[in-house]
Amino acid sequence: MTPVALHTLFETVAYAIGFRTFLWTRRTLAPNAFRHDDHVVWVAVGAIVGAALGAKLSFWIDDPIAAFSDFPNWRHLLEGKSIVGALLGGLASVELAKKVAGVTNSTGDAFVLPLTVGMCIGRVGCFLAGIGDHTYGVPTSLPWGVDFGDGLYRHPTQLYEIVFLIAQYALLHGRRNAFSESGDRFRAFMIGYLLFRLLVEFIKPVFYTYPGGLSGIQWLCVAGLLYYARDIPRILRTLMGKGRKASWEPR
C-alpha cells in the first residue's frame, strides 16, 4: 500500500472512530452538552463545514507559495490541509450555527475525547505517509530520529503529538469534575493543543515565514490563544488543583 493510500486509510478510520466516540461521549461523559437532538445536527453541520474550510484556508496561509504554485488549478489548491485550521474553522462555524439555531449552552465538552482519538489515529497516518506529508520535524541527532524517505533523521513530530494528546486527555479527564464552567474541558483542550502546536512548529520546517519569524500555523495558534485569553487563568487554576468543584456536572 502506498504512503498516500495509508494516510487516506487512517484518515477515514479516524473519522469513523471519532464519530462513534462522539456518540458514546454524548451519552456518558457529556450528557448535558446537547439539550435537544436537533441541536446535534446544527452543531455537526457547523463543525464539518467549518473544519473543511478552515483546514484548506490554513494550508493556503501556511504555505502560500506551494498552494498557489499551479494556480488556477483548483485540484492543487484542495490538496493540503491543517488540523489547526480545522479546529479553528470548526469552532467559528459551530458558534455561528448555534446562534442561528438558538443554542445557548456550551457543547464543546462532548468533542474532547472524539477529537483526541481521531487526531491520534490521523497522526499515525501522517507518520506512515513519510516525507510527502510535510508533518515531519527538522533533522535531529537524537536516537529516536526517523528517516522519512530523504535520508535524514528527523524529529517524529507526529508521534510527539500523539503522546501529547494522550497525556493531555489523561489530565483533563482526571480533572473533569473540577472545571467550574460547562465547556471548560473543551477550552482546556484547545488551549493546550494550540500552545503545543505553537511550540512544536519550531522544530518543523517552515515553508513560508511571516513577520516575527513565525509560520502561518503559528500565527493561527496565536490568534486562537488570544481568543481564549480570558479563559486561560481559570483553566490553569483548575488544572493546578485550585479551581472550585463544578456544580453543573452530574455526580
C-alpha atoms as a PDB file:
ATOM      1  CA  MET A   1       0.000   0.000   0.000  1.00  0.00           C
ATOM      2  CA  THR A   2       1.371   3.406  -0.973  1.00  0.00           C
ATOM      3  CA  PRO A   3       2.011   6.134   1.649  1.00  0.00           C
ATOM      4  CA  VAL A   4      -0.842   8.203   0.221  1.00  0.00           C
ATOM      5  CA  ALA A   5      -3.218   5.257   0.461  1.00  0.00           C
ATOM      6  CA  LEU A   6      -2.099   4.556   4.038  1.00  0.00           C
ATOM      7  CA  HIS A   7      -2.693   8.171   5.002  1.00  0.00           C
ATOM      8  CA  THR A   8      -6.147   8.134   3.416  1.00  0.00           C
ATOM      9  CA  LEU A   9      -7.000   4.864   5.166  1.00  0.00           C
ATOM     10  CA  PHE A  10      -6.027   6.144   8.598  1.00  0.00           C
ATOM     11  CA  GLU A  11      -7.811   9.433   7.996  1.00  0.00           C
ATOM     12  CA  THR A  12     -11.001   7.561   7.106  1.00  0.00           C
ATOM     13  CA  VAL A  13     -10.670   5.343  10.176  1.00  0.00           C
ATOM     14  CA  ALA A  14     -10.086   8.445  12.310  1.00  0.00           C
ATOM     15  CA  TYR A  15     -13.350   9.998  11.130  1.00  0.00           C
ATOM     16  CA  ALA A  16     -15.300   6.773  11.658  1.00  0.00           C
ATOM     17  CA  ILE A  17     -13.972   6.004  15.131  1.00  0.00           C
ATOM     18  CA  GLY A  18     -14.130   9.669  16.126  1.00  0.00           C
ATOM     19  CA  PHE A  19     -17.827   9.753  15.245  1.00  0.00           C
ATOM     20  CA  ARG A  20     -18.548   6.580  17.216  1.00  0.00           C
ATOM     21  CA  THR A  21     -16.616   8.007  20.142  1.00  0.00           C
ATOM     22  CA  PHE A  22     -18.702  11.179  19.956  1.00  0.00           C
ATOM     23  CA  LEU A  23     -21.929   9.185  20.212  1.00  0.00           C
ATOM     24  CA  TRP A  24     -20.614   7.370  23.286  1.00  0.00           C
ATOM     25  CA  THR A  25     -19.230  10.542  24.873  1.00  0.00           C
ATOM     26  CA  ARG A  26     -22.507  12.358  24.397  1.00  0.00           C
ATOM     27  CA  ARG A  27     -24.305   9.682  26.414  1.00  0.00           C
ATOM     28  CA  THR A  28     -21.736   9.174  29.152  1.00  0.00           C
ATOM     29  CA  LEU A  29     -19.099  11.862  29.676  1.00  0.00           C
ATOM     30  CA  ALA A  30     -21.046  14.930  28.496  1.00  0.00           C
ATOM     31  CA  PRO A  31     -24.784  14.147  28.803  1.00  0.00           C
ATOM     32  CA  ASN A  32     -25.680  17.834  29.280  1.00  0.00           C
ATOM     33  CA  ALA A  33     -23.842  19.127  26.206  1.00  0.00           C
ATOM     34  CA  PHE A  34     -26.952  18.898  23.993  1.00  0.00           C
ATOM     35  CA  ARG A  35     -30.454  19.692  25.213  1.00  0.00           C
ATOM     36  CA  HIS A  36     -32.236  18.598  22.031  1.00  0.00           C
ATOM     37  CA  ASP A  37     -31.384  16.136  19.267  1.00  0.00           C
ATOM     38  CA  ASP A  38     -31.792  18.781  16.563  1.00  0.00           C
ATOM     39  CA  HIS A  39     -29.015  20.779  18.240  1.00  0.00           C
ATOM     40  CA  VAL A  40     -26.682  17.886  17.417  1.00  0.00           C
ATOM     41  CA  VAL A  41     -27.457  18.285  13.720  1.00  0.00           C
ATOM     42  CA  TRP A  42     -26.821  22.035  13.742  1.00  0.00           C
ATOM     43  CA  VAL A  43     -23.532  21.665  15.592  1.00  0.00           C
ATOM     44  CA  ALA A  44     -22.416  18.711  13.469  1.00  0.00           C
ATOM     45  CA  VAL A  45     -23.084  20.543  10.195  1.00  0.00           C
ATOM     46  CA  GLY A  46     -21.320  23.630  11.520  1.00  0.00           C
ATOM     47  CA  ALA A  47     -18.326  21.582  12.640  1.00  0.00           C
ATOM     48  CA  ILE A  48     -17.996  19.695   9.350  1.00  0.00           C
ATOM     49  CA  VAL A  49     -18.335  22.748   7.103  1.00  0.00           C
ATOM     50  CA  GLY A  50     -16.134  24.966   9.264  1.00  0.00           C
ATOM     51  CA  ALA A  51     -13.444  22.330   9.690  1.00  0.00           C
ATOM     52  CA  ALA A  52     -13.272  21.659   5.955  1.00  0.00           C
ATOM     53  CA  LEU A  53     -12.985  25.352   5.073  1.00  0.00           C
ATOM     54  CA  GLY A  54     -10.593  26.117   7.914  1.00  0.00           C
ATOM     55  CA  ALA A  55      -8.318  23.209   7.049  1.00  0.00           C
ATOM     56  CA  LYS A  56      -7.926  24.432   3.470  1.00  0.00           C
ATOM     57  CA  LEU A  57      -7.566  28.126   4.305  1.00  0.00           C
ATOM     58  CA  SER A  58      -4.878  27.389   6.877  1.00  0.00           C
ATOM     59  CA  PHE A  59      -2.870  25.430   4.291  1.00  0.00           C
ATOM     60  CA  TRP A  60      -3.031  28.395   1.933  1.00  0.00           C
ATOM     61  CA  ILE A  61      -1.885  30.673   4.756  1.00  0.00           C
ATOM     62  CA  ASP A  62       0.895  28.381   5.972  1.00  0.00           C
ATOM     63  CA  ASP A  63       2.473  27.648   2.591  1.00  0.00           C
ATOM     64  CA  PRO A  64       1.041  30.087   0.029  1.00  0.00           C
ATOM     65  CA  ILE A  65       3.858  29.553  -2.459  1.00  0.00           C
ATOM     66  CA  ALA A  66       3.179  25.819  -2.722  1.00  0.00           C
ATOM     67  CA  ALA A  67      -0.605  26.233  -2.502  1.00  0.00           C
ATOM     68  CA  PHE A  68      -0.795  28.699  -5.395  1.00  0.00           C
ATOM     69  CA  SER A  69       2.130  27.369  -7.448  1.00  0.00           C
ATOM     70  CA  ASP A  70      -0.192  25.876 -10.058  1.00  0.00           C
ATOM     71  CA  PHE A  71      -2.968  28.488  -9.856  1.00  0.00           C
ATOM     72  CA  PRO A  72      -5.735  28.411 -11.087  1.00  0.00           C
ATOM     73  CA  ASN A  73      -5.586  24.594 -10.866  1.00  0.00           C
ATOM     74  CA  TRP A  74      -8.282  24.101  -8.224  1.00  0.00           C
ATOM     75  CA  ARG A  75      -7.324  20.464  -7.606  1.00  0.00           C
ATOM     76  CA  HIS A  76      -3.895  21.563  -6.411  1.00  0.00           C
ATOM     77  CA  LEU A  77      -5.464  24.178  -4.142  1.00  0.00           C
ATOM     78  CA  LEU A  78      -7.509  21.476  -2.428  1.00  0.00           C
ATOM     79  CA  GLU A  79      -4.604  19.117  -1.742  1.00  0.00           C
ATOM     80  CA  GLY A  80      -3.273  20.416   1.589  1.00  0.00           C
ATOM     81  CA  LYS A  81      -4.929  20.900   4.959  1.00  0.00           C
ATOM     82  CA  SER A  82      -4.115  21.585   8.598  1.00  0.00           C
ATOM     83  CA  ILE A  83      -5.598  20.339  11.874  1.00  0.00           C
ATOM     84  CA  VAL A  84      -5.115  23.767  13.461  1.00  0.00           C
ATOM     85  CA  GLY A  85      -7.196  25.374  10.731  1.00  0.00           C
ATOM     86  CA  ALA A  86      -9.811  22.628  11.000  1.00  0.00           C
ATOM     87  CA  LEU A  87     -10.174  23.183  14.739  1.00  0.00           C
ATOM     88  CA  LEU A  88     -10.395  26.968  14.491  1.00  0.00           C
ATOM     89  CA  GLY A  89     -12.673  26.867  11.451  1.00  0.00           C
ATOM     90  CA  GLY A  90     -14.905  24.319  13.126  1.00  0.00           C
ATOM     91  CA  LEU A  91     -15.036  26.423  16.286  1.00  0.00           C
ATOM     92  CA  ALA A  92     -16.079  29.562  14.399  1.00  0.00           C
ATOM     93  CA  SER A  93     -18.656  27.734  12.285  1.00  0.00           C
ATOM     94  CA  VAL A  94     -20.176  25.920  15.280  1.00  0.00           C
ATOM     95  CA  GLU A  95     -20.608  29.193  17.157  1.00  0.00           C
ATOM     96  CA  LEU A  96     -22.366  30.661  14.112  1.00  0.00           C
ATOM     97  CA  ALA A  97     -24.596  27.585  13.734  1.00  0.00           C
ATOM     98  CA  LYS A  98     -25.514  27.725  17.425  1.00  0.00           C
ATOM     99  CA  LYS A  99     -26.570  31.351  17.107  1.00  0.00           C
ATOM    100  CA  VAL A 100     -28.760  30.525  14.114  1.00  0.00           C
ATOM    101  CA  ALA A 101     -30.335  27.554  15.921  1.00  0.00           C
ATOM    102  CA  GLY A 102     -30.712  29.387  19.224  1.00  0.00           C
ATOM    103  CA  VAL A 103     -28.390  27.017  21.108  1.00  0.00           C
ATOM    104  CA  THR A 104     -27.180  28.896  24.178  1.00  0.00           C
ATOM    105  CA  ASN A 105     -25.343  26.199  26.144  1.00  0.00           C
ATOM    106  CA  SER A 106     -21.768  25.060  25.588  1.00  0.00           C
ATOM    107  CA  THR A 107     -21.441  21.865  23.540  1.00  0.00           C
ATOM    108  CA  GLY A 108     -17.658  21.553  23.360  1.00  0.00           C
ATOM    109  CA  ASP A 109     -17.146  19.022  26.145  1.00  0.00           C
ATOM    110  CA  ALA A 110     -18.732  16.292  24.010  1.00  0.00           C
ATOM    111  CA  PHE A 111     -15.916  16.677  21.454  1.00  0.00           C
ATOM    112  CA  VAL A 112     -12.814  16.408  23.647  1.00  0.00           C
ATOM    113  CA  LEU A 113     -12.427  12.623  23.575  1.00  0.00           C
ATOM    114  CA  PRO A 114     -13.571  12.185  19.931  1.00  0.00           C
ATOM    115  CA  LEU A 115     -11.096  14.815  18.761  1.00  0.00           C
ATOM    116  CA  THR A 116      -8.300  13.267  20.803  1.00  0.00           C
ATOM    117  CA  VAL A 117      -8.973   9.786  19.428  1.00  0.00           C
ATOM    118  CA  GLY A 118      -9.441  10.937  15.847  1.00  0.00           C
ATOM    119  CA  MET A 119      -6.362  13.142  15.840  1.00  0.00           C
ATOM    120  CA  CYS A 120      -4.172  10.381  17.294  1.00  0.00           C
ATOM    121  CA  ILE A 121      -5.295   7.921  14.617  1.00  0.00           C
ATOM    122  CA  GLY A 122      -4.852  10.529  11.911  1.00  0.00           C
ATOM    123  CA  ARG A 123      -1.304  11.292  13.040  1.00  0.00           C
ATOM    124  CA  VAL A 124      -0.403   7.609  12.668  1.00  0.00           C
ATOM    125  CA  GLY A 125      -1.366   8.010   9.016  1.00  0.00           C
ATOM    126  CA  CYS A 126       0.745  11.169   8.771  1.00  0.00           C
ATOM    127  CA  PHE A 127       3.724   9.301  10.237  1.00  0.00           C
ATOM    128  CA  LEU A 128       3.371   6.415   7.776  1.00  0.00           C
ATOM    129  CA  ALA A 129       2.931   8.780   4.820  1.00  0.00           C
ATOM    130  CA  GLY A 130       6.593   9.758   5.002  1.00  0.00           C
ATOM    131  CA  ILE A 131       8.278  12.776   3.511  1.00  0.00           C
ATOM    132  CA  GLY A 132       5.375  13.721   1.259  1.00  0.00           C
ATOM    133  CA  ASP A 133       3.083  14.561   4.168  1.00  0.00           C
ATOM    134  CA  HIS A 134       5.047  17.628   5.391  1.00  0.00           C
ATOM    135  CA  THR A 135       4.251  16.886   9.044  1.00  0.00           C
ATOM    136  CA  TYR A 136       7.746  15.710   9.985  1.00  0.00           C
ATOM    137  CA  GLY A 137      10.296  17.642  12.014  1.00  0.00           C
ATOM    138  CA  VAL A 138      13.701  19.111  11.261  1.00  0.00           C
ATOM    139  CA  PRO A 139      16.816  16.898  11.282  1.00  0.00           C
ATOM    140  CA  THR A 140      17.971  15.718  14.706  1.00  0.00           C
ATOM    141  CA  SER A 141      20.827  13.705  16.194  1.00  0.00           C
ATOM    142  CA  LEU A 142      18.577  12.262  18.902  1.00  0.00           C
ATOM    143  CA  PRO A 143      18.438   8.442  18.916  1.00  0.00           C
ATOM    144  CA  TRP A 144      14.727   8.349  18.068  1.00  0.00           C
ATOM    145  CA  GLY A 145      15.111  10.352  14.872  1.00  0.00           C
ATOM    146  CA  VAL A 146      13.269   8.831  11.902  1.00  0.00           C
ATOM    147  CA  ASP A 147      14.224   8.729   8.223  1.00  0.00           C
ATOM    148  CA  PHE A 148      11.005   9.632   6.398  1.00  0.00           C
ATOM    149  CA  GLY A 149      12.486   8.921   3.000  1.00  0.00           C
ATOM    150  CA  ASP A 150      15.005  11.672   2.304  1.00  0.00           C
ATOM    151  CA  GLY A 151      17.997  10.094   4.081  1.00  0.00           C
ATOM    152  CA  LEU A 152      17.835  12.490   7.057  1.00  0.00           C
ATOM    153  CA  TYR A 153      16.888  11.508  10.592  1.00  0.00           C
ATOM    154  CA  ARG A 154      14.174  13.897  11.690  1.00  0.00           C
ATOM    155  CA  HIS A 155      12.052  14.624  14.745  1.00  0.00           C
ATOM    156  CA  PRO A 156       8.974  12.362  14.543  1.00  0.00           C
ATOM    157  CA  THR A 157       6.696  15.276  15.444  1.00  0.00           C
ATOM    158  CA  GLN A 158       3.621  13.225  14.557  1.00  0.00           C
ATOM    159  CA  LEU A 159       4.487  10.826  17.399  1.00  0.00           C
ATOM    160  CA  TYR A 160       5.228  13.753  19.730  1.00  0.00           C
ATOM    161  CA  GLU A 161       1.712  14.982  19.038  1.00  0.00           C
ATOM    162  CA  ILE A 162       0.159  11.605  19.796  1.00  0.00           C
ATOM    163  CA  VAL A 163       1.982  11.428  23.125  1.00  0.00           C
ATOM    164  CA  PHE A 164       0.906  14.972  23.961  1.00  0.00           C
ATOM    165  CA  LEU A 165      -2.744  14.347  23.075  1.00  0.00           C
ATOM    166  CA  ILE A 166      -2.901  11.199  25.222  1.00  0.00           C
ATOM    167  CA  ALA A 167      -1.214  12.923  28.176  1.00  0.00           C
ATOM    168  CA  GLN A 168      -3.450  15.970  27.819  1.00  0.00           C
ATOM    169  CA  TYR A 169      -6.601  13.875  27.765  1.00  0.00           C
ATOM    170  CA  ALA A 170      -5.493  11.926  30.832  1.00  0.00           C
ATOM    171  CA  LEU A 171      -5.074  15.227  32.687  1.00  0.00           C
ATOM    172  CA  LEU A 172      -8.388  16.688  31.510  1.00  0.00           C
ATOM    173  CA  HIS A 173     -10.283  13.504  32.296  1.00  0.00           C
ATOM    174  CA  GLY A 174      -8.711  13.284  35.714  1.00  0.00           C
ATOM    175  CA  ARG A 175      -9.759  16.857  36.499  1.00  0.00           C
ATOM    176  CA  ARG A 176     -13.136  16.674  34.747  1.00  0.00           C
ATOM    177  CA  ASN A 177     -15.187  17.284  37.911  1.00  0.00           C
ATOM    178  CA  ALA A 178     -13.123  20.307  38.918  1.00  0.00           C
ATOM    179  CA  PHE A 179     -13.946  22.557  35.966  1.00  0.00           C
ATOM    180  CA  SER A 180     -16.204  25.378  37.096  1.00  0.00           C
ATOM    181  CA  GLU A 181     -17.949  26.133  33.801  1.00  0.00           C
ATOM    182  CA  SER A 182     -19.614  23.973  31.176  1.00  0.00           C
ATOM    183  CA  GLY A 183     -17.353  23.814  28.134  1.00  0.00           C
ATOM    184  CA  ASP A 184     -14.140  24.308  30.091  1.00  0.00           C
ATOM    185  CA  ARG A 185     -12.843  20.848  29.204  1.00  0.00           C
ATOM    186  CA  PHE A 186     -13.050  21.770  25.520  1.00  0.00           C
ATOM    187  CA  ARG A 187     -11.487  25.173  26.160  1.00  0.00           C
ATOM    188  CA  ALA A 188      -8.644  23.468  28.031  1.00  0.00           C
ATOM    189  CA  PHE A 189      -8.216  21.033  25.131  1.00  0.00           C
ATOM    190  CA  MET A 190      -7.989  23.867  22.607  1.00  0.00           C
ATOM    191  CA  ILE A 191      -5.649  25.989  24.717  1.00  0.00           C
ATOM    192  CA  GLY A 192      -3.331  23.052  25.341  1.00  0.00           C
ATOM    193  CA  TYR A 193      -3.250  21.913  21.736  1.00  0.00           C
ATOM    194  CA  LEU A 194      -2.744  25.396  20.295  1.00  0.00           C
ATOM    195  CA  LEU A 195       0.121  26.006  22.724  1.00  0.00           C
ATOM    196  CA  PHE A 196       1.653  22.641  21.841  1.00  0.00           C
ATOM    197  CA  ARG A 197       1.458  23.381  18.114  1.00  0.00           C
ATOM    198  CA  LEU A 198       2.861  26.876  18.598  1.00  0.00           C
ATOM    199  CA  LEU A 199       5.920  25.355  20.263  1.00  0.00           C
ATOM    200  CA  VAL A 200       6.410  22.174  18.223  1.00  0.00           C
ATOM    201  CA  GLU A 201       6.361  24.172  14.982  1.00  0.00           C
ATOM    202  CA  PHE A 202       9.791  25.499  15.994  1.00  0.00           C
ATOM    203  CA  ILE A 203      11.238  22.040  15.282  1.00  0.00           C
ATOM    204  CA  LYS A 204       9.385  21.615  11.984  1.00  0.00           C
ATOM    205  CA  PRO A 205      10.418  23.006   8.580  1.00  0.00           C
ATOM    206  CA  VAL A 206       8.979  26.449   7.862  1.00  0.00           C
ATOM    207  CA  PHE A 207       7.873  26.723   4.253  1.00  0.00           C
ATOM    208  CA  TYR A 208       6.898  30.400   4.417  1.00  0.00           C
ATOM    209  CA  THR A 209       7.991  32.844   7.130  1.00  0.00           C
ATOM    210  CA  TYR A 210       5.741  35.647   8.348  1.00  0.00           C
ATOM    211  CA  PRO A 211       6.661  38.692  10.489  1.00  0.00           C
ATOM    212  CA  GLY A 212       8.162  37.690  13.802  1.00  0.00           C
ATOM    213  CA  GLY A 213       9.809  34.654  12.231  1.00  0.00           C
ATOM    214  CA  LEU A 214       6.678  32.579  12.741  1.00  0.00           C
ATOM    215  CA  SER A 215       4.909  30.307  10.315  1.00  0.00           C
ATOM    216  CA  GLY A 216       1.311  30.766   9.255  1.00  0.00           C
ATOM    217  CA  ILE A 217       0.260  27.892  11.532  1.00  0.00           C
ATOM    218  CA  GLN A 218       1.978  29.543  14.487  1.00  0.00           C
ATOM    219  CA  TRP A 219       0.177  32.828  13.880  1.00  0.00           C
ATOM    220  CA  LEU A 220      -3.113  30.927  13.721  1.00  0.00           C
ATOM    221  CA  CYS A 221      -2.216  29.343  17.065  1.00  0.00           C
ATOM    222  CA  VAL A 222      -1.517  32.797  18.493  1.00  0.00           C
ATOM    223  CA  ALA A 223      -4.895  34.020  17.227  1.00  0.00           C
ATOM    224  CA  GLY A 224      -6.633  31.040  18.825  1.00  0.00           C
ATOM    225  CA  LEU A 225      -4.857  31.563  22.146  1.00  0.00           C
ATOM    226  CA  LEU A 226      -5.844  35.237  22.116  1.00  0.00           C
ATOM    227  CA  TYR A 227      -9.459  34.161  21.593  1.00  0.00           C
ATOM    228  CA  TYR A 228      -9.221  32.078  24.766  1.00  0.00           C
ATOM    229  CA  ALA A 229      -7.102  34.610  26.672  1.00  0.00           C
ATOM    230  CA  ARG A 230      -9.720  35.415  29.313  1.00  0.00           C
ATOM    231  CA  ASP A 231     -10.301  31.700  29.976  1.00  0.00           C
ATOM    232  CA  ILE A 232      -6.640  30.734  30.390  1.00  0.00           C
ATOM    233  CA  PRO A 233      -6.206  31.861  34.047  1.00  0.00           C
ATOM    234  CA  ARG A 234      -9.335  29.963  35.132  1.00  0.00           C
ATOM    235  CA  ILE A 235      -8.293  26.852  33.212  1.00  0.00           C
ATOM    236  CA  LEU A 236      -4.799  26.926  34.713  1.00  0.00           C
ATOM    237  CA  ARG A 237      -6.165  27.256  38.245  1.00  0.00           C
ATOM    238  CA  THR A 238      -8.382  24.246  37.646  1.00  0.00           C
ATOM    239  CA  LEU A 239      -5.607  22.098  36.218  1.00  0.00           C
ATOM    240  CA  MET A 240      -3.329  23.045  39.112  1.00  0.00           C
ATOM    241  CA  GLY A 241      -5.968  21.926  41.582  1.00  0.00           C
ATOM    242  CA  LYS A 242      -7.010  25.405  42.673  1.00  0.00           C
ATOM    243  CA  GLY A 243     -10.418  25.538  40.957  1.00  0.00           C
ATOM    244  CA  ARG A 244     -13.702  25.021  42.785  1.00  0.00           C
ATOM    245  CA  LYS A 245     -15.659  21.818  42.261  1.00  0.00           C
ATOM    246  CA  ALA A 246     -18.069  22.055  39.379  1.00  0.00           C
ATOM    247  CA  SER A 247     -21.706  22.364  40.326  1.00  0.00           C
ATOM    248  CA  TRP A 248     -23.143  21.853  36.837  1.00  0.00           C
ATOM    249  CA  GLU A 249     -21.938  18.315  36.205  1.00  0.00           C
ATOM    250  CA  PRO A 250     -23.929  15.280  37.369  1.00  0.00           C
ATOM    251  CA  ARG A 251     -22.196  13.185  40.029  1.00  0.00           C
END
